[in-house]
C-alpha atoms as a PDB file:
ATOM      1  CA  MET A   1      -0.039  -0.095  -0.081  1.00  0.00           C
ATOM      2  CA  ASP A   2       1.218   3.507  -0.743  1.00  0.00           C
ATOM      3  CA  VAL A   3       2.726   4.990   2.426  1.00  0.00           C
ATOM      4  CA  PHE A   4       0.886   8.293   2.113  1.00  0.00           C
ATOM      5  CA  LEU A   5      -2.619   6.370   1.630  1.00  0.00           C
ATOM      6  CA  GLN A   6      -1.710   4.186   4.602  1.00  0.00           C
ATOM      7  CA  GLU A   7      -0.916   7.065   6.794  1.00  0.00           C
ATOM      8  CA  TYR A   8      -4.270   8.870   5.921  1.00  0.00           C
ATOM      9  CA  SER A   9      -6.301   5.876   6.241  1.00  0.00           C
ATOM     10  CA  ALA A  10      -5.168   4.529   9.586  1.00  0.00           C
ATOM     11  CA  ASP A  11      -7.719   5.007  12.428  1.00  0.00           C
ATOM     12  CA  GLU A  12      -5.075   7.219  14.368  1.00  0.00           C
ATOM     13  CA  ALA A  13      -4.635   9.627  11.434  1.00  0.00           C
ATOM     14  CA  ILE A  14      -8.407  10.005  10.941  1.00  0.00           C
ATOM     15  CA  ALA A  15      -8.751  10.730  14.802  1.00  0.00           C
ATOM     16  CA  ARG A  16      -6.473  13.678  14.235  1.00  0.00           C
ATOM     17  CA  TYR A  17      -8.789  15.300  11.696  1.00  0.00           C
ATOM     18  CA  THR A  18     -12.017  15.148  13.644  1.00  0.00           C
ATOM     19  CA  SER A  19     -13.581  17.872  16.078  1.00  0.00           C
ATOM     20  CA  ARG A  20     -13.344  15.657  19.164  1.00  0.00           C
ATOM     21  CA  THR A  21      -9.488  15.781  18.764  1.00  0.00           C
ATOM     22  CA  ALA A  22      -8.762  19.012  16.916  1.00  0.00           C
ATOM     23  CA  GLY A  23      -9.488  21.055  20.020  1.00  0.00           C
ATOM     24  CA  HIS A  24     -11.686  24.061  20.998  1.00  0.00           C
ATOM     25  CA  GLY A  25      -9.873  26.509  18.541  1.00  0.00           C
ATOM     26  CA  ILE A  26     -10.969  24.976  15.403  1.00  0.00           C
ATOM     27  CA  SER A  27     -14.345  24.433  16.768  1.00  0.00           C
ATOM     28  CA  TYR A  28     -14.569  28.022  17.611  1.00  0.00           C
ATOM     29  CA  LEU A  29     -13.327  29.126  14.115  1.00  0.00           C
ATOM     30  CA  LEU A  30     -15.802  26.872  12.231  1.00  0.00           C
ATOM     31  CA  GLU A  31     -18.903  28.024  14.200  1.00  0.00           C
ATOM     32  CA  ASN A  32     -17.808  31.686  14.212  1.00  0.00           C
ATOM     33  CA  ASP A  33     -15.297  33.165  11.742  1.00  0.00           C
ATOM     34  CA  TYR A  34     -15.797  30.550   8.929  1.00  0.00           C
ATOM     35  CA  ALA A  35     -19.609  30.525   9.445  1.00  0.00           C
ATOM     36  CA  GLU A  36     -19.942  33.967   7.983  1.00  0.00           C
ATOM     37  CA  VAL A  37     -17.583  33.279   5.028  1.00  0.00           C
ATOM     38  CA  TYR A  38     -19.611  30.245   4.077  1.00  0.00           C
ATOM     39  CA  LEU A  39     -23.130  31.995   4.515  1.00  0.00           C
ATOM     40  CA  SER A  40     -21.788  35.040   2.444  1.00  0.00           C
ATOM     41  CA  ALA A  41     -20.365  32.889  -0.222  1.00  0.00           C
ATOM     42  CA  ILE A  42     -23.769  30.890  -0.585  1.00  0.00           C
ATOM     43  CA  ARG A  43     -25.585  34.169  -0.564  1.00  0.00           C
ATOM     44  CA  ASP A  44     -23.506  36.308  -2.863  1.00  0.00           C
ATOM     45  CA  PHE A  45     -21.646  33.839  -5.303  1.00  0.00           C
ATOM     46  CA  LEU A  46     -24.164  30.855  -5.743  1.00  0.00           C
ATOM     47  CA  LYS A  47     -27.121  32.992  -6.571  1.00  0.00           C
ATOM     48  CA  THR A  48     -29.631  30.360  -5.462  1.00  0.00           C
ATOM     49  CA  SER A  49     -33.002  31.006  -4.197  1.00  0.00           C
ATOM     50  CA  PRO A  50     -33.542  30.671  -0.463  1.00  0.00           C
ATOM     51  CA  GLY A  51     -36.002  27.693  -1.104  1.00  0.00           C
ATOM     52  CA  LYS A  52     -33.824  25.773  -3.367  1.00  0.00           C
ATOM     53  CA  SER A  53     -32.114  22.702  -1.657  1.00  0.00           C
ATOM     54  CA  LEU A  54     -28.115  22.922  -1.743  1.00  0.00           C
ATOM     55  CA  ARG A  55     -25.838  20.109  -2.846  1.00  0.00           C
ATOM     56  CA  LEU A  56     -22.463  20.231  -1.136  1.00  0.00           C
ATOM     57  CA  LEU A  57     -19.166  18.525  -2.013  1.00  0.00           C
ATOM     58  CA  GLU A  58     -15.904  18.900  -0.102  1.00  0.00           C
ATOM     59  CA  TYR A  59     -12.729  17.886  -1.359  1.00  0.00           C
ATOM     60  CA  GLY A  60      -9.787  17.138   1.145  1.00  0.00           C
ATOM     61  CA  CYS A  61     -12.504  16.955   4.034  1.00  0.00           C
ATOM     62  CA  GLY A  62     -10.335  15.108   6.551  1.00  0.00           C
ATOM     63  CA  GLY A  63     -12.692  13.729   9.148  1.00  0.00           C
ATOM     64  CA  GLY A  64     -15.366  16.140   7.847  1.00  0.00           C
ATOM     65  CA  MET A  65     -15.400  18.812  10.380  1.00  0.00           C
ATOM     66  CA  ASN A  66     -15.996  21.727   7.769  1.00  0.00           C
ATOM     67  CA  ILE A  67     -18.872  20.004   6.144  1.00  0.00           C
ATOM     68  CA  ILE A  68     -20.550  18.706   9.311  1.00  0.00           C
ATOM     69  CA  THR A  69     -20.493  22.189  10.846  1.00  0.00           C
ATOM     70  CA  LEU A  70     -21.623  23.827   7.505  1.00  0.00           C
ATOM     71  CA  LEU A  71     -24.701  21.346   7.515  1.00  0.00           C
ATOM     72  CA  ALA A  72     -25.636  22.371  11.121  1.00  0.00           C
ATOM     73  CA  LEU A  73     -25.236  26.078  10.278  1.00  0.00           C
ATOM     74  CA  LEU A  74     -27.412  25.789   7.243  1.00  0.00           C
ATOM     75  CA  GLU A  75     -30.096  23.784   9.143  1.00  0.00           C
ATOM     76  CA  ARG A  76     -30.176  26.457  11.903  1.00  0.00           C
ATOM     77  CA  LYS A  77     -30.586  29.138   9.072  1.00  0.00           C
ATOM     78  CA  GLY A  78     -33.503  27.171   7.466  1.00  0.00           C
ATOM     79  CA  ARG A  79     -31.628  26.173   4.318  1.00  0.00           C
ATOM     80  CA  SER A  80     -32.363  22.760   2.857  1.00  0.00           C
ATOM     81  CA  VAL A  81     -29.469  20.533   1.988  1.00  0.00           C
ATOM     82  CA  GLU A  82     -30.446  17.643  -0.583  1.00  0.00           C
ATOM     83  CA  LEU A  83     -26.915  16.047  -0.530  1.00  0.00           C
ATOM     84  CA  ALA A  84     -23.664  16.545   1.183  1.00  0.00           C
ATOM     85  CA  ILE A  85     -20.702  14.565   0.185  1.00  0.00           C
ATOM     86  CA  GLY A  86     -17.173  14.742   1.945  1.00  0.00           C
ATOM     87  CA  THR A  87     -14.192  12.961   0.409  1.00  0.00           C
ATOM     88  CA  ASP A  88     -10.517  12.631   1.251  1.00  0.00           C
ATOM     89  CA  PHE A  89      -7.973   9.882   0.882  1.00  0.00           C
END
């Protein structure tokens, strides 16, 4: 197996990239600073109607902290998400 793929598929490596182990700092950033960036990107650049369901795809998501946080944020804001996919090694 490729050493790089082996590293990023090991249980210990995956645990390093999840919100439980990343610490309070990244959780705070995702919930506060990044939240406004995400919402403004959806509002200003996607030009979708508020009633239309979104489809999300995140490349290089690690343990999925960003996409999971974004899903919760959109739910709190009343935005529907039809499909959300995160992919990484």
